């Protein structure tokens, strides 16, 4: 299993980029780069945050509302994308 596949599996399991960085002993910027590659390949989808994005957000069922302002990025795993 390649590094990208392992990163994808960890993301699927809900691991943070900090955890992935620590597990692989690589900088956060490298993990972010791998996430961008996985996004460009269609394995991940970036979910825009903000008031208009709340209805599409996969976390809306557990989010207390618009009082929380998330400053990062949220990626959603695309389960229907076939992995080799």
N, C-alpha and C. Protein backbone atom coordinates (compact mmCIF):
# COMPACT_ATOMS: atom_id res chain seq x y z
N UNK A 1 0.84 -1.17 0.00
CA UNK A 1 0.00 0.00 0.00
C UNK A 1 0.88 1.23 0.00
N UNK A 2 0.62 2.16 -0.92
CA UNK A 2 1.40 3.37 -1.02
C UNK A 2 1.05 4.39 0.04
N UNK A 3 1.87 5.41 0.13
CA UNK A 3 1.68 6.44 1.16
C UNK A 3 0.35 7.16 0.98
N UNK A 4 -0.02 7.49 -0.28
CA UNK A 4 -1.30 8.17 -0.51
C UNK A 4 -2.48 7.29 -0.07
N UNK A 5 -2.40 6.01 -0.35
CA UNK A 5 -3.47 5.10 0.06
C UNK A 5 -3.57 5.01 1.57
N UNK A 6 -2.42 5.00 2.24
CA UNK A 6 -2.44 4.94 3.70
C UNK A 6 -3.01 6.22 4.30
N UNK A 7 -2.65 7.37 3.70
CA UNK A 7 -3.20 8.64 4.16
C UNK A 7 -4.71 8.66 3.96
N UNK A 8 -5.18 8.20 2.80
CA UNK A 8 -6.61 8.15 2.52
C UNK A 8 -7.33 7.28 3.54
N UNK A 9 -6.75 6.15 3.87
CA UNK A 9 -7.36 5.24 4.85
C UNK A 9 -7.45 5.92 6.22
N UNK A 10 -6.40 6.63 6.62
CA UNK A 10 -6.41 7.32 7.91
C UNK A 10 -7.45 8.44 7.94
N UNK A 11 -7.59 9.14 6.81
CA UNK A 11 -8.61 10.19 6.72
C UNK A 11 -9.99 9.56 6.83
N UNK A 12 -10.17 8.44 6.15
CA UNK A 12 -11.44 7.72 6.20
C UNK A 12 -11.78 7.30 7.63
N UNK A 13 -10.77 6.98 8.41
CA UNK A 13 -10.95 6.59 9.81
C UNK A 13 -11.18 7.79 10.72
N UNK A 14 -11.05 9.01 10.16
CA UNK A 14 -11.30 10.21 10.94
C UNK A 14 -10.07 10.80 11.60
N UNK A 15 -8.89 10.37 11.19
CA UNK A 15 -7.65 10.89 11.78
C UNK A 15 -7.39 12.31 11.30
N UNK A 16 -6.81 13.13 12.14
CA UNK A 16 -6.49 14.52 11.78
C UNK A 16 -5.17 14.57 11.02
N UNK A 17 -4.93 15.71 10.35
CA UNK A 17 -3.66 15.84 9.62
C UNK A 17 -2.49 15.88 10.60
N UNK A 18 -2.74 16.37 11.80
CA UNK A 18 -1.68 16.36 12.82
C UNK A 18 -1.31 14.93 13.19
N UNK A 19 -2.31 14.07 13.37
CA UNK A 19 -2.05 12.66 13.66
C UNK A 19 -1.29 12.00 12.52
N UNK A 20 -1.72 12.27 11.29
CA UNK A 20 -1.08 11.66 10.12
C UNK A 20 0.36 12.13 10.02
N UNK A 21 0.58 13.42 10.23
CA UNK A 21 1.94 13.97 10.20
C UNK A 21 2.83 13.28 11.22
N UNK A 22 2.30 13.10 12.41
CA UNK A 22 3.06 12.45 13.50
C UNK A 22 3.32 10.97 13.17
N UNK A 23 2.29 10.26 12.66
CA UNK A 23 2.43 8.84 12.34
C UNK A 23 3.49 8.59 11.27
N UNK A 24 3.52 9.46 10.26
CA UNK A 24 4.48 9.29 9.17
C UNK A 24 5.79 10.02 9.41
N UNK A 25 5.83 10.84 10.49
CA UNK A 25 7.01 11.64 10.80
C UNK A 25 7.38 12.55 9.63
N UNK A 26 6.36 13.25 9.11
CA UNK A 26 6.55 14.19 8.00
C UNK A 26 5.89 15.52 8.37
N UNK A 27 6.32 16.62 7.73
CA UNK A 27 5.74 17.93 8.05
C UNK A 27 4.25 18.01 7.66
N UNK A 28 3.51 18.87 8.37
CA UNK A 28 2.11 19.09 8.06
C UNK A 28 1.92 19.52 6.61
N UNK A 29 2.84 20.32 6.10
CA UNK A 29 2.72 20.81 4.72
C UNK A 29 2.74 19.65 3.72
N UNK A 30 3.48 18.60 4.02
CA UNK A 30 3.51 17.43 3.13
C UNK A 30 2.18 16.68 3.17
N UNK A 31 1.60 16.57 4.36
CA UNK A 31 0.29 15.92 4.49
C UNK A 31 -0.75 16.74 3.74
N UNK A 32 -0.71 18.06 3.90
CA UNK A 32 -1.64 18.93 3.18
C UNK A 32 -1.48 18.77 1.67
N UNK A 33 -0.24 18.62 1.21
CA UNK A 33 0.01 18.39 -0.21
C UNK A 33 -0.59 17.07 -0.68
N UNK A 34 -0.47 16.02 0.13
CA UNK A 34 -1.05 14.73 -0.23
C UNK A 34 -2.58 14.82 -0.27
N UNK A 35 -3.15 15.59 0.65
CA UNK A 35 -4.60 15.78 0.66
C UNK A 35 -5.04 16.49 -0.62
N UNK A 36 -4.28 17.49 -1.05
CA UNK A 36 -4.61 18.18 -2.29
C UNK A 36 -4.52 17.24 -3.50
N UNK A 37 -3.54 16.36 -3.50
CA UNK A 37 -3.42 15.36 -4.57
C UNK A 37 -4.63 14.44 -4.56
N UNK A 38 -5.01 13.96 -3.38
CA UNK A 38 -6.18 13.08 -3.26
C UNK A 38 -7.46 13.80 -3.69
N UNK A 39 -7.53 15.09 -3.40
CA UNK A 39 -8.68 15.89 -3.84
C UNK A 39 -8.70 15.99 -5.37
N UNK A 40 -7.55 16.25 -5.97
CA UNK A 40 -7.49 16.37 -7.44
C UNK A 40 -7.80 15.05 -8.13
N UNK A 41 -7.57 13.94 -7.45
CA UNK A 41 -7.86 12.62 -8.01
C UNK A 41 -9.32 12.21 -7.77
N UNK A 42 -10.07 13.04 -7.03
CA UNK A 42 -11.48 12.76 -6.78
C UNK A 42 -11.77 11.91 -5.57
N UNK A 43 -10.76 11.62 -4.75
CA UNK A 43 -10.98 10.80 -3.56
C UNK A 43 -11.51 11.62 -2.39
N UNK A 44 -11.22 12.92 -2.37
CA UNK A 44 -11.68 13.81 -1.31
C UNK A 44 -12.35 15.01 -1.94
N UNK A 45 -13.26 15.62 -1.19
CA UNK A 45 -13.94 16.80 -1.66
C UNK A 45 -13.82 17.87 -0.58
N UNK A 46 -13.37 19.05 -0.95
CA UNK A 46 -13.27 20.15 -0.01
C UNK A 46 -14.66 20.71 0.23
N UNK A 47 -15.04 20.84 1.49
CA UNK A 47 -16.32 21.42 1.87
C UNK A 47 -16.05 22.85 2.32
N UNK A 48 -16.61 23.82 1.60
CA UNK A 48 -16.42 25.22 1.98
C UNK A 48 -17.20 25.49 3.26
N UNK A 49 -16.60 26.26 4.16
CA UNK A 49 -17.28 26.60 5.40
C UNK A 49 -17.89 27.99 5.28
N UNK A 50 -18.82 28.29 6.13
CA UNK A 50 -19.51 29.57 6.11
C UNK A 50 -21.00 29.34 6.17
N UNK A 51 -21.74 30.41 6.34
CA UNK A 51 -23.19 30.31 6.52
C UNK A 51 -23.88 29.59 5.37
N UNK A 52 -23.49 29.87 4.13
CA UNK A 52 -24.16 29.23 2.99
C UNK A 52 -23.78 27.76 2.85
N UNK A 53 -22.67 27.37 3.44
CA UNK A 53 -22.20 25.99 3.33
C UNK A 53 -22.74 25.10 4.43
N UNK A 54 -23.40 25.66 5.42
CA UNK A 54 -23.85 24.88 6.57
C UNK A 54 -24.79 23.74 6.17
N UNK A 55 -25.66 23.96 5.21
CA UNK A 55 -26.60 22.92 4.81
C UNK A 55 -25.90 21.74 4.15
N UNK A 56 -24.76 21.96 3.51
CA UNK A 56 -24.02 20.88 2.83
C UNK A 56 -22.99 20.22 3.74
N UNK A 57 -22.75 20.80 4.89
CA UNK A 57 -21.68 20.34 5.77
C UNK A 57 -22.01 18.98 6.38
N UNK A 58 -21.07 18.03 6.31
CA UNK A 58 -21.30 16.72 6.91
C UNK A 58 -21.35 16.75 8.44
N UNK A 59 -20.96 17.86 9.03
CA UNK A 59 -20.96 17.98 10.50
C UNK A 59 -22.19 18.70 11.03
N UNK A 60 -23.13 19.07 10.15
CA UNK A 60 -24.26 19.88 10.60
C UNK A 60 -25.10 19.21 11.68
N UNK A 61 -25.13 17.88 11.71
CA UNK A 61 -25.94 17.20 12.72
C UNK A 61 -25.35 17.30 14.13
N UNK A 62 -24.06 17.62 14.22
CA UNK A 62 -23.43 17.73 15.54
C UNK A 62 -22.95 19.15 15.84
N UNK A 63 -23.06 20.05 14.88
CA UNK A 63 -22.59 21.42 15.06
C UNK A 63 -23.61 22.23 15.85
N UNK A 64 -23.15 22.99 16.85
CA UNK A 64 -24.08 23.78 17.64
C UNK A 64 -24.60 25.02 16.91
N UNK A 65 -24.05 25.36 15.77
CA UNK A 65 -24.58 26.49 15.01
C UNK A 65 -23.51 27.44 14.52
N UNK A 66 -23.97 28.59 14.04
CA UNK A 66 -23.07 29.53 13.39
C UNK A 66 -22.19 30.31 14.37
N UNK A 67 -22.37 30.10 15.65
CA UNK A 67 -21.53 30.81 16.62
C UNK A 67 -20.09 30.31 16.59
N UNK A 68 -19.88 29.15 16.04
CA UNK A 68 -18.53 28.60 15.93
C UNK A 68 -18.00 28.92 14.53
N UNK A 69 -16.84 29.52 14.48
CA UNK A 69 -16.21 29.87 13.20
C UNK A 69 -14.98 28.99 12.99
N UNK A 70 -15.10 28.04 12.11
CA UNK A 70 -14.00 27.13 11.83
C UNK A 70 -13.03 27.83 10.90
N UNK A 71 -11.76 27.82 11.21
CA UNK A 71 -10.75 28.53 10.43
C UNK A 71 -9.97 27.61 9.49
N UNK A 72 -10.23 26.32 9.55
CA UNK A 72 -9.47 25.38 8.73
C UNK A 72 -10.26 24.94 7.51
N UNK A 73 -9.97 23.76 7.05
CA UNK A 73 -10.64 23.17 5.90
C UNK A 73 -11.24 21.85 6.32
N UNK A 74 -12.38 21.52 5.74
CA UNK A 74 -13.03 20.25 6.01
C UNK A 74 -13.05 19.46 4.72
N UNK A 75 -12.59 18.23 4.78
CA UNK A 75 -12.63 17.36 3.62
C UNK A 75 -13.60 16.23 3.89
N UNK A 76 -14.34 15.87 2.85
CA UNK A 76 -15.27 14.76 2.94
C UNK A 76 -14.75 13.62 2.10
N UNK A 77 -14.70 12.44 2.66
CA UNK A 77 -14.25 11.26 1.94
C UNK A 77 -15.34 10.82 0.97
N UNK A 78 -14.98 10.56 -0.27
CA UNK A 78 -15.93 10.09 -1.26
C UNK A 78 -15.88 8.56 -1.32
N UNK A 79 -16.84 7.94 -0.69
CA UNK A 79 -16.87 6.48 -0.58
C UNK A 79 -17.17 5.81 -1.90
N UNK A 80 -17.82 6.50 -2.83
CA UNK A 80 -18.18 5.88 -4.10
C UNK A 80 -17.04 5.84 -5.09
N UNK A 81 -15.91 6.47 -4.79
CA UNK A 81 -14.75 6.45 -5.68
C UNK A 81 -14.02 5.13 -5.47
N UNK A 82 -13.89 4.33 -6.51
CA UNK A 82 -13.25 3.02 -6.39
C UNK A 82 -11.76 3.18 -6.14
N UNK A 83 -11.26 2.46 -5.14
CA UNK A 83 -9.82 2.45 -4.86
C UNK A 83 -9.23 1.19 -5.46
N UNK A 84 -8.03 1.33 -5.96
CA UNK A 84 -7.34 0.18 -6.57
C UNK A 84 -6.50 -0.52 -5.55
